[in-house]
């Protein structure tokens, strides 16, 4: 079953955010990201010095009901 994922790439001083449709497997997600990059469908923008130019971060999260804002984990803290 295919799902929508929101991808964020921060690489070597540039950033990009985009959505992909893929199966919920590592290989399918990687291939969907590479397809978009290969077809020049991703716009990388200058990070303006916010990220190091020597590292790469790639994160993704499933888009549920058109929203990415729900937390994946919750912690309830009770203070007395």
N, C-alpha and C. Protein backbone atom coordinates (compact mmCIF):
# COMPACT_ATOMS: atom_id res chain seq x y z
N UNK A 1 0.84 -1.18 0.00
CA UNK A 1 0.00 0.00 0.00
C UNK A 1 0.88 1.25 0.00
N UNK A 2 0.58 2.17 -0.87
CA UNK A 2 1.39 3.39 -0.94
C UNK A 2 0.89 4.41 0.08
N UNK A 3 1.83 5.22 0.54
CA UNK A 3 1.54 6.27 1.52
C UNK A 3 2.26 7.54 1.08
N UNK A 4 1.85 8.66 1.66
CA UNK A 4 2.53 9.93 1.39
C UNK A 4 3.51 10.20 2.54
N UNK A 5 4.69 10.67 2.17
CA UNK A 5 5.72 11.02 3.15
C UNK A 5 6.22 12.43 2.86
N UNK A 6 6.51 13.17 3.92
CA UNK A 6 7.12 14.49 3.79
C UNK A 6 8.61 14.31 4.07
N UNK A 7 9.45 14.74 3.13
CA UNK A 7 10.90 14.55 3.21
C UNK A 7 11.58 15.89 3.43
N UNK A 8 12.57 15.91 4.31
CA UNK A 8 13.41 17.09 4.51
C UNK A 8 14.86 16.67 4.31
N UNK A 9 15.56 17.41 3.45
CA UNK A 9 16.98 17.16 3.22
C UNK A 9 17.74 18.43 3.58
N UNK A 10 18.75 18.27 4.42
CA UNK A 10 19.67 19.35 4.75
C UNK A 10 21.05 18.81 4.41
N UNK A 11 21.66 19.37 3.37
CA UNK A 11 22.91 18.79 2.89
C UNK A 11 23.86 19.88 2.43
N UNK A 12 25.04 19.89 3.03
CA UNK A 12 26.15 20.70 2.57
C UNK A 12 25.79 22.17 2.38
N UNK A 13 24.99 22.70 3.32
CA UNK A 13 24.63 24.11 3.27
C UNK A 13 23.36 24.42 2.50
N UNK A 14 22.63 23.39 2.05
CA UNK A 14 21.39 23.58 1.30
C UNK A 14 20.25 22.81 1.98
N UNK A 15 19.02 23.24 1.72
CA UNK A 15 17.85 22.57 2.27
C UNK A 15 16.80 22.36 1.19
N UNK A 16 15.99 21.31 1.38
CA UNK A 16 14.87 21.04 0.48
C UNK A 16 13.80 20.30 1.28
N UNK A 17 12.54 20.59 0.97
CA UNK A 17 11.40 19.89 1.56
C UNK A 17 10.43 19.55 0.44
N UNK A 18 9.91 18.32 0.47
CA UNK A 18 8.98 17.89 -0.57
C UNK A 18 8.23 16.65 -0.10
N UNK A 19 7.16 16.32 -0.81
CA UNK A 19 6.37 15.13 -0.51
C UNK A 19 6.61 14.07 -1.57
N UNK A 20 6.52 12.81 -1.15
CA UNK A 20 6.64 11.69 -2.08
C UNK A 20 5.52 10.70 -1.79
N UNK A 21 5.23 9.86 -2.77
CA UNK A 21 4.32 8.73 -2.60
C UNK A 21 5.18 7.48 -2.74
N UNK A 22 5.10 6.60 -1.73
CA UNK A 22 5.94 5.40 -1.76
C UNK A 22 5.33 4.32 -0.88
N UNK A 23 5.78 3.10 -1.09
CA UNK A 23 5.46 2.01 -0.17
C UNK A 23 6.17 2.30 1.15
N UNK A 24 5.69 1.73 2.22
CA UNK A 24 6.28 1.96 3.53
C UNK A 24 7.47 1.03 3.77
N UNK A 25 8.45 1.11 2.85
CA UNK A 25 9.69 0.35 3.00
C UNK A 25 10.86 1.28 2.72
N UNK A 26 11.98 0.95 3.27
CA UNK A 26 13.19 1.77 3.09
C UNK A 26 13.53 1.91 1.60
N UNK A 27 13.50 0.80 0.88
CA UNK A 27 13.89 0.81 -0.52
C UNK A 27 12.95 1.67 -1.36
N UNK A 28 11.66 1.55 -1.12
CA UNK A 28 10.69 2.32 -1.89
C UNK A 28 10.82 3.82 -1.63
N UNK A 29 11.01 4.19 -0.37
CA UNK A 29 11.18 5.61 -0.02
C UNK A 29 12.45 6.16 -0.65
N UNK A 30 13.56 5.41 -0.54
CA UNK A 30 14.82 5.85 -1.15
C UNK A 30 14.67 6.02 -2.66
N UNK A 31 14.03 5.06 -3.32
CA UNK A 31 13.86 5.13 -4.78
C UNK A 31 12.98 6.31 -5.18
N UNK A 32 11.93 6.61 -4.41
CA UNK A 32 11.07 7.75 -4.72
C UNK A 32 11.83 9.07 -4.58
N UNK A 33 12.68 9.16 -3.56
CA UNK A 33 13.50 10.37 -3.36
C UNK A 33 14.48 10.50 -4.53
N UNK A 34 15.16 9.41 -4.89
CA UNK A 34 16.12 9.46 -5.99
C UNK A 34 15.45 9.78 -7.32
N UNK A 35 14.22 9.27 -7.53
CA UNK A 35 13.49 9.60 -8.76
C UNK A 35 13.24 11.10 -8.87
N UNK A 36 12.81 11.72 -7.76
CA UNK A 36 12.55 13.16 -7.78
C UNK A 36 13.84 13.94 -8.03
N UNK A 37 14.92 13.53 -7.38
CA UNK A 37 16.21 14.21 -7.59
C UNK A 37 16.66 14.04 -9.04
N UNK A 38 16.54 12.83 -9.57
CA UNK A 38 16.97 12.55 -10.94
C UNK A 38 16.17 13.30 -11.99
N UNK A 39 14.92 13.61 -11.69
CA UNK A 39 14.06 14.34 -12.63
C UNK A 39 14.08 15.85 -12.39
N UNK A 40 15.01 16.32 -11.54
CA UNK A 40 15.13 17.74 -11.20
C UNK A 40 13.83 18.33 -10.68
N UNK A 41 13.10 17.57 -9.87
CA UNK A 41 11.82 18.01 -9.33
C UNK A 41 11.96 18.61 -7.93
N UNK A 42 13.20 18.73 -7.44
CA UNK A 42 13.44 19.24 -6.10
C UNK A 42 14.26 20.52 -6.20
N UNK A 43 13.81 21.55 -5.48
CA UNK A 43 14.54 22.82 -5.47
C UNK A 43 15.32 22.92 -4.16
N UNK A 44 16.63 22.89 -4.26
CA UNK A 44 17.49 23.07 -3.11
C UNK A 44 17.74 24.56 -2.92
N UNK A 45 17.58 25.03 -1.69
CA UNK A 45 17.80 26.44 -1.39
C UNK A 45 18.99 26.58 -0.45
N UNK A 46 19.65 27.70 -0.52
CA UNK A 46 20.76 27.99 0.38
C UNK A 46 20.23 28.07 1.80
N UNK A 47 20.87 27.36 2.71
CA UNK A 47 20.42 27.33 4.11
C UNK A 47 20.81 28.60 4.85
N UNK A 48 21.55 29.47 4.25
CA UNK A 48 21.90 30.73 4.88
C UNK A 48 22.80 30.59 6.10
N UNK A 49 23.64 29.59 6.10
CA UNK A 49 24.57 29.41 7.20
C UNK A 49 24.02 28.68 8.40
N UNK A 50 22.77 28.20 8.31
CA UNK A 50 22.16 27.52 9.46
C UNK A 50 22.62 26.09 9.62
N UNK A 51 23.11 25.48 8.56
CA UNK A 51 23.54 24.08 8.63
C UNK A 51 24.97 23.97 8.15
N UNK A 52 25.69 23.01 8.71
CA UNK A 52 27.08 22.79 8.34
C UNK A 52 27.18 22.36 6.88
N UNK A 53 28.25 22.71 6.24
CA UNK A 53 28.46 22.36 4.84
C UNK A 53 29.17 21.02 4.69
N UNK A 54 29.41 20.32 5.80
CA UNK A 54 30.12 19.05 5.72
C UNK A 54 29.24 17.85 6.09
N UNK A 55 27.93 18.07 6.35
CA UNK A 55 27.08 16.96 6.78
C UNK A 55 25.79 16.92 6.00
N UNK A 56 25.13 15.77 6.09
CA UNK A 56 23.86 15.54 5.41
C UNK A 56 22.85 14.99 6.42
N UNK A 57 21.66 15.59 6.44
CA UNK A 57 20.55 15.07 7.23
C UNK A 57 19.40 14.82 6.27
N UNK A 58 18.79 13.64 6.37
CA UNK A 58 17.61 13.32 5.58
C UNK A 58 16.59 12.72 6.52
N UNK A 59 15.44 13.36 6.63
CA UNK A 59 14.39 12.86 7.49
C UNK A 59 13.10 12.77 6.69
N UNK A 60 12.21 11.89 7.12
CA UNK A 60 10.90 11.80 6.49
C UNK A 60 9.88 11.36 7.53
N UNK A 61 8.63 11.75 7.29
CA UNK A 61 7.55 11.35 8.18
C UNK A 61 6.31 11.12 7.34
N UNK A 62 5.49 10.19 7.79
CA UNK A 62 4.26 9.89 7.07
C UNK A 62 3.27 11.03 7.22
N UNK A 63 2.61 11.38 6.13
CA UNK A 63 1.56 12.39 6.14
C UNK A 63 0.24 11.66 6.36
N UNK A 64 -0.45 11.97 7.47
CA UNK A 64 -1.70 11.31 7.82
C UNK A 64 -2.83 12.31 7.71
N UNK A 65 -3.82 12.01 6.88
CA UNK A 65 -4.97 12.89 6.68
C UNK A 65 -4.55 14.30 6.30
N UNK A 66 -3.51 14.42 5.49
CA UNK A 66 -3.05 15.72 5.01
C UNK A 66 -2.29 16.53 6.04
N UNK A 67 -1.96 15.92 7.19
CA UNK A 67 -1.29 16.68 8.25
C UNK A 67 -0.01 16.00 8.69
N UNK A 68 1.02 16.83 8.95
CA UNK A 68 2.27 16.32 9.49
C UNK A 68 2.46 16.79 10.92
N UNK A 69 1.47 17.46 11.47
CA UNK A 69 1.69 18.15 12.73
C UNK A 69 1.45 17.30 13.97
N UNK A 70 0.87 16.13 13.84
CA UNK A 70 0.63 15.35 15.04
C UNK A 70 1.93 14.73 15.52
N UNK A 71 2.16 14.70 16.82
CA UNK A 71 3.42 14.16 17.33
C UNK A 71 3.48 12.64 17.16
N UNK A 72 4.66 12.13 16.89
CA UNK A 72 4.84 10.70 16.80
C UNK A 72 4.93 10.07 18.18
N UNK A 73 5.38 10.83 19.15
CA UNK A 73 5.48 10.34 20.51
C UNK A 73 4.89 11.39 21.44
N UNK A 74 4.29 10.92 22.51
CA UNK A 74 3.76 11.83 23.51
C UNK A 74 4.26 11.40 24.87
N UNK A 75 4.45 12.36 25.74
CA UNK A 75 4.85 12.07 27.10
C UNK A 75 4.00 12.93 28.02
N UNK A 76 3.34 12.27 28.97
CA UNK A 76 2.51 13.00 29.92
C UNK A 76 3.30 13.16 31.21
N UNK A 77 3.44 14.39 31.65
CA UNK A 77 4.19 14.68 32.87
C UNK A 77 3.22 15.25 33.89
N UNK A 78 3.20 14.62 35.05
CA UNK A 78 2.33 15.08 36.14
C UNK A 78 3.23 15.61 37.24
N UNK A 79 2.97 16.82 37.68
CA UNK A 79 3.76 17.41 38.77
C UNK A 79 2.88 17.59 39.99
N UNK A 80 3.45 17.33 41.13
CA UNK A 80 2.68 17.50 42.38
C UNK A 80 3.23 18.62 43.21
